[in-house]
Amino acid sequence: MASRVSLKTKGKSSSGKGAKGVEEKSASQYVKEWSTWTFKKAKVITHYGFIPMIIIIGMNSEPKPQIYQLLSPF
């Protein structure tokens, strides 16, 4: 048996909303999408940048510690 080919597009689509498929979004919808995107990026930056930031702050403090003193738990 031959397999059938589906012509449906994946992802967000407006089914039956306008002939050209253009979605009308309100300002609150744009703000919601923008804030979600911003918080996702901030989460990644915080996740990968927190420990290096602590090490840099520690290296610039007085008295100047050695790197092994910053990284060792004792």
N, C-alpha and C. Protein backbone atom coordinates (compact mmCIF):
# COMPACT_ATOMS: atom_id res chain seq x y z
N MET A 1 0.83 -1.18 0.00
CA MET A 1 0.00 0.00 0.00
C MET A 1 0.87 1.24 0.00
N ALA A 2 0.44 2.21 -0.72
CA ALA A 2 1.17 3.46 -0.79
C ALA A 2 0.78 4.34 0.41
N SER A 3 1.75 5.06 0.92
CA SER A 3 1.45 5.95 2.04
C SER A 3 0.85 7.24 1.53
N ARG A 4 0.03 7.85 2.35
CA ARG A 4 -0.61 9.10 1.96
C ARG A 4 0.26 10.28 2.36
N VAL A 5 0.25 11.29 1.56
CA VAL A 5 1.00 12.50 1.83
C VAL A 5 0.04 13.53 2.43
N SER A 6 0.42 14.07 3.57
CA SER A 6 -0.42 15.08 4.21
C SER A 6 0.07 16.46 3.81
N LEU A 7 -0.85 17.32 3.43
CA LEU A 7 -0.50 18.68 3.03
C LEU A 7 -0.73 19.69 4.14
N LYS A 8 -1.00 19.20 5.34
CA LYS A 8 -1.23 20.11 6.46
C LYS A 8 0.11 20.68 6.94
N THR A 9 0.08 21.95 7.31
CA THR A 9 1.28 22.57 7.84
C THR A 9 1.33 22.36 9.35
N LYS A 10 2.52 22.27 9.87
CA LYS A 10 2.68 22.10 11.30
C LYS A 10 2.95 23.44 11.95
N GLY A 11 2.65 23.53 13.21
CA GLY A 11 2.91 24.77 13.93
C GLY A 11 1.64 25.56 14.13
N LYS A 12 1.81 26.83 14.49
CA LYS A 12 0.67 27.70 14.73
C LYS A 12 0.05 28.12 13.40
N SER A 13 -1.23 27.94 13.30
CA SER A 13 -1.91 28.38 12.09
C SER A 13 -3.29 28.89 12.45
N SER A 14 -3.80 29.76 11.65
CA SER A 14 -5.15 30.25 11.87
C SER A 14 -6.07 29.52 10.92
N SER A 15 -6.83 28.61 11.44
CA SER A 15 -7.70 27.81 10.58
C SER A 15 -8.99 28.59 10.32
N GLY A 16 -9.12 29.06 9.10
CA GLY A 16 -10.33 29.74 8.69
C GLY A 16 -10.40 31.20 9.07
N LYS A 17 -9.32 31.80 9.46
CA LYS A 17 -9.33 33.22 9.86
C LYS A 17 -8.71 34.05 8.76
N GLY A 18 -9.47 34.39 7.78
CA GLY A 18 -8.96 35.24 6.71
C GLY A 18 -8.49 34.42 5.53
N ALA A 19 -8.58 35.01 4.38
CA ALA A 19 -8.21 34.30 3.17
C ALA A 19 -6.69 34.16 3.03
N LYS A 20 -5.95 35.14 3.54
CA LYS A 20 -4.50 35.12 3.40
C LYS A 20 -3.81 34.45 4.58
N GLY A 21 -4.54 34.09 5.62
CA GLY A 21 -3.93 33.44 6.78
C GLY A 21 -3.24 34.42 7.70
N VAL A 22 -3.58 35.70 7.62
CA VAL A 22 -2.97 36.72 8.45
C VAL A 22 -3.75 36.78 9.76
N GLU A 23 -3.02 36.66 10.88
CA GLU A 23 -3.67 36.72 12.18
C GLU A 23 -3.63 38.14 12.72
N GLU A 24 -4.72 38.56 13.28
CA GLU A 24 -4.78 39.85 13.95
C GLU A 24 -4.48 39.60 15.43
N LYS A 25 -3.40 40.18 15.91
CA LYS A 25 -3.02 40.00 17.31
C LYS A 25 -3.17 41.32 18.03
N SER A 26 -3.64 41.22 19.25
CA SER A 26 -3.80 42.43 20.04
C SER A 26 -2.46 42.80 20.69
N ALA A 27 -2.41 43.99 21.23
CA ALA A 27 -1.18 44.46 21.88
C ALA A 27 -0.85 43.59 23.08
N SER A 28 -1.87 43.14 23.81
CA SER A 28 -1.61 42.29 24.97
C SER A 28 -1.01 40.95 24.56
N GLN A 29 -1.39 40.45 23.40
CA GLN A 29 -0.82 39.19 22.92
C GLN A 29 0.65 39.37 22.56
N TYR A 30 1.00 40.51 21.94
CA TYR A 30 2.41 40.79 21.64
C TYR A 30 3.23 40.94 22.92
N VAL A 31 2.66 41.61 23.92
CA VAL A 31 3.36 41.78 25.20
C VAL A 31 3.58 40.43 25.86
N LYS A 32 2.58 39.57 25.80
CA LYS A 32 2.69 38.24 26.40
C LYS A 32 3.78 37.42 25.70
N GLU A 33 3.81 37.44 24.37
CA GLU A 33 4.83 36.71 23.63
C GLU A 33 6.22 37.27 23.90
N TRP A 34 6.33 38.60 23.93
CA TRP A 34 7.62 39.24 24.17
C TRP A 34 8.13 38.92 25.57
N SER A 35 7.25 38.99 26.57
CA SER A 35 7.69 38.72 27.94
C SER A 35 8.07 37.25 28.12
N THR A 36 7.35 36.35 27.48
CA THR A 36 7.71 34.93 27.55
C THR A 36 9.07 34.70 26.92
N TRP A 37 9.32 35.29 25.75
CA TRP A 37 10.61 35.14 25.09
C TRP A 37 11.73 35.72 25.95
N THR A 38 11.47 36.90 26.54
CA THR A 38 12.48 37.56 27.37
C THR A 38 12.82 36.73 28.60
N PHE A 39 11.81 36.20 29.27
CA PHE A 39 12.07 35.41 30.46
C PHE A 39 12.78 34.10 30.15
N LYS A 40 12.50 33.50 29.01
CA LYS A 40 13.22 32.29 28.62
C LYS A 40 14.70 32.58 28.39
N LYS A 41 14.99 33.70 27.71
CA LYS A 41 16.39 34.08 27.48
C LYS A 41 17.09 34.44 28.79
N ALA A 42 16.39 35.14 29.68
CA ALA A 42 16.97 35.52 30.97
C ALA A 42 17.27 34.28 31.82
N LYS A 43 16.41 33.28 31.72
CA LYS A 43 16.63 32.04 32.47
C LYS A 43 17.91 31.35 32.02
N VAL A 44 18.14 31.30 30.71
CA VAL A 44 19.34 30.66 30.17
C VAL A 44 20.58 31.46 30.57
N ILE A 45 20.51 32.77 30.45
CA ILE A 45 21.65 33.62 30.81
C ILE A 45 21.99 33.47 32.29
N THR A 46 20.98 33.46 33.13
CA THR A 46 21.19 33.30 34.57
C THR A 46 21.77 31.92 34.87
N HIS A 47 21.26 30.90 34.20
CA HIS A 47 21.72 29.54 34.45
C HIS A 47 23.20 29.37 34.15
N TYR A 48 23.64 29.89 33.02
CA TYR A 48 25.04 29.71 32.62
C TYR A 48 25.97 30.83 33.10
N GLY A 49 25.44 31.92 33.60
CA GLY A 49 26.29 33.04 33.97
C GLY A 49 26.48 33.27 35.45
N PHE A 50 25.70 32.58 36.30
CA PHE A 50 25.75 32.87 37.73
C PHE A 50 27.08 32.50 38.36
N ILE A 51 27.53 31.28 38.19
CA ILE A 51 28.78 30.82 38.81
C ILE A 51 29.99 31.59 38.27
N PRO A 52 30.12 31.80 36.95
CA PRO A 52 31.24 32.63 36.48
C PRO A 52 31.21 34.04 37.06
N MET A 53 30.02 34.61 37.23
CA MET A 53 29.92 35.95 37.82
C MET A 53 30.43 35.94 39.27
N ILE A 54 30.09 34.92 40.04
CA ILE A 54 30.55 34.82 41.43
C ILE A 54 32.08 34.68 41.47
N ILE A 55 32.65 33.90 40.56
CA ILE A 55 34.11 33.74 40.52
C ILE A 55 34.78 35.06 40.16
N ILE A 56 34.24 35.79 39.21
CA ILE A 56 34.82 37.08 38.81
C ILE A 56 34.74 38.08 39.96
N ILE A 57 33.61 38.13 40.64
CA ILE A 57 33.48 39.04 41.79
C ILE A 57 34.46 38.65 42.88
N GLY A 58 34.61 37.35 43.11
CA GLY A 58 35.56 36.88 44.13
C GLY A 58 37.00 37.19 43.78
N MET A 59 37.34 37.11 42.51
CA MET A 59 38.72 37.39 42.09
C MET A 59 39.05 38.87 42.19
N ASN A 60 38.05 39.74 42.13
CA ASN A 60 38.29 41.18 42.20
C ASN A 60 38.14 41.75 43.61
N SER A 61 37.96 40.90 44.59
CA SER A 61 37.79 41.40 45.96
C SER A 61 39.14 41.47 46.67
N GLU A 62 39.16 42.16 47.79
CA GLU A 62 40.38 42.25 48.60
C GLU A 62 40.20 41.38 49.83
N PRO A 63 41.16 40.64 50.28
CA PRO A 63 42.44 40.30 49.65
C PRO A 63 42.21 39.38 48.46
N LYS A 64 43.11 39.44 47.50
CA LYS A 64 42.95 38.66 46.27
C LYS A 64 43.19 37.18 46.55
N PRO A 65 42.13 36.37 46.42
CA PRO A 65 42.30 34.93 46.64
C PRO A 65 42.84 34.23 45.39
N GLN A 66 43.42 33.08 45.60
CA GLN A 66 43.84 32.24 44.47
C GLN A 66 42.60 31.53 43.93
N ILE A 67 42.67 31.07 42.70
CA ILE A 67 41.52 30.43 42.07
C ILE A 67 41.11 29.17 42.82
N TYR A 68 42.08 28.40 43.32
CA TYR A 68 41.73 27.17 44.05
C TYR A 68 41.04 27.49 45.36
N GLN A 69 41.33 28.66 45.97
CA GLN A 69 40.64 29.04 47.18
C GLN A 69 39.18 29.39 46.92
N LEU A 70 38.91 29.92 45.75
CA LEU A 70 37.52 30.22 45.39
C LEU A 70 36.72 28.96 45.08
N LEU A 71 37.39 28.00 44.48
CA LEU A 71 36.68 26.80 44.02
C LEU A 71 36.59 25.71 45.07
N SER A 72 37.45 25.72 46.08
CA SER A 72 37.42 24.65 47.09
C SER A 72 36.35 24.97 48.14
N PRO A 73 35.69 23.95 48.66
CA PRO A 73 34.64 24.18 49.65
C PRO A 73 35.17 24.48 51.06
N PHE A 74 36.48 24.37 51.28
CA PHE A 74 37.02 24.58 52.64
C PHE A 74 37.67 25.91 52.80
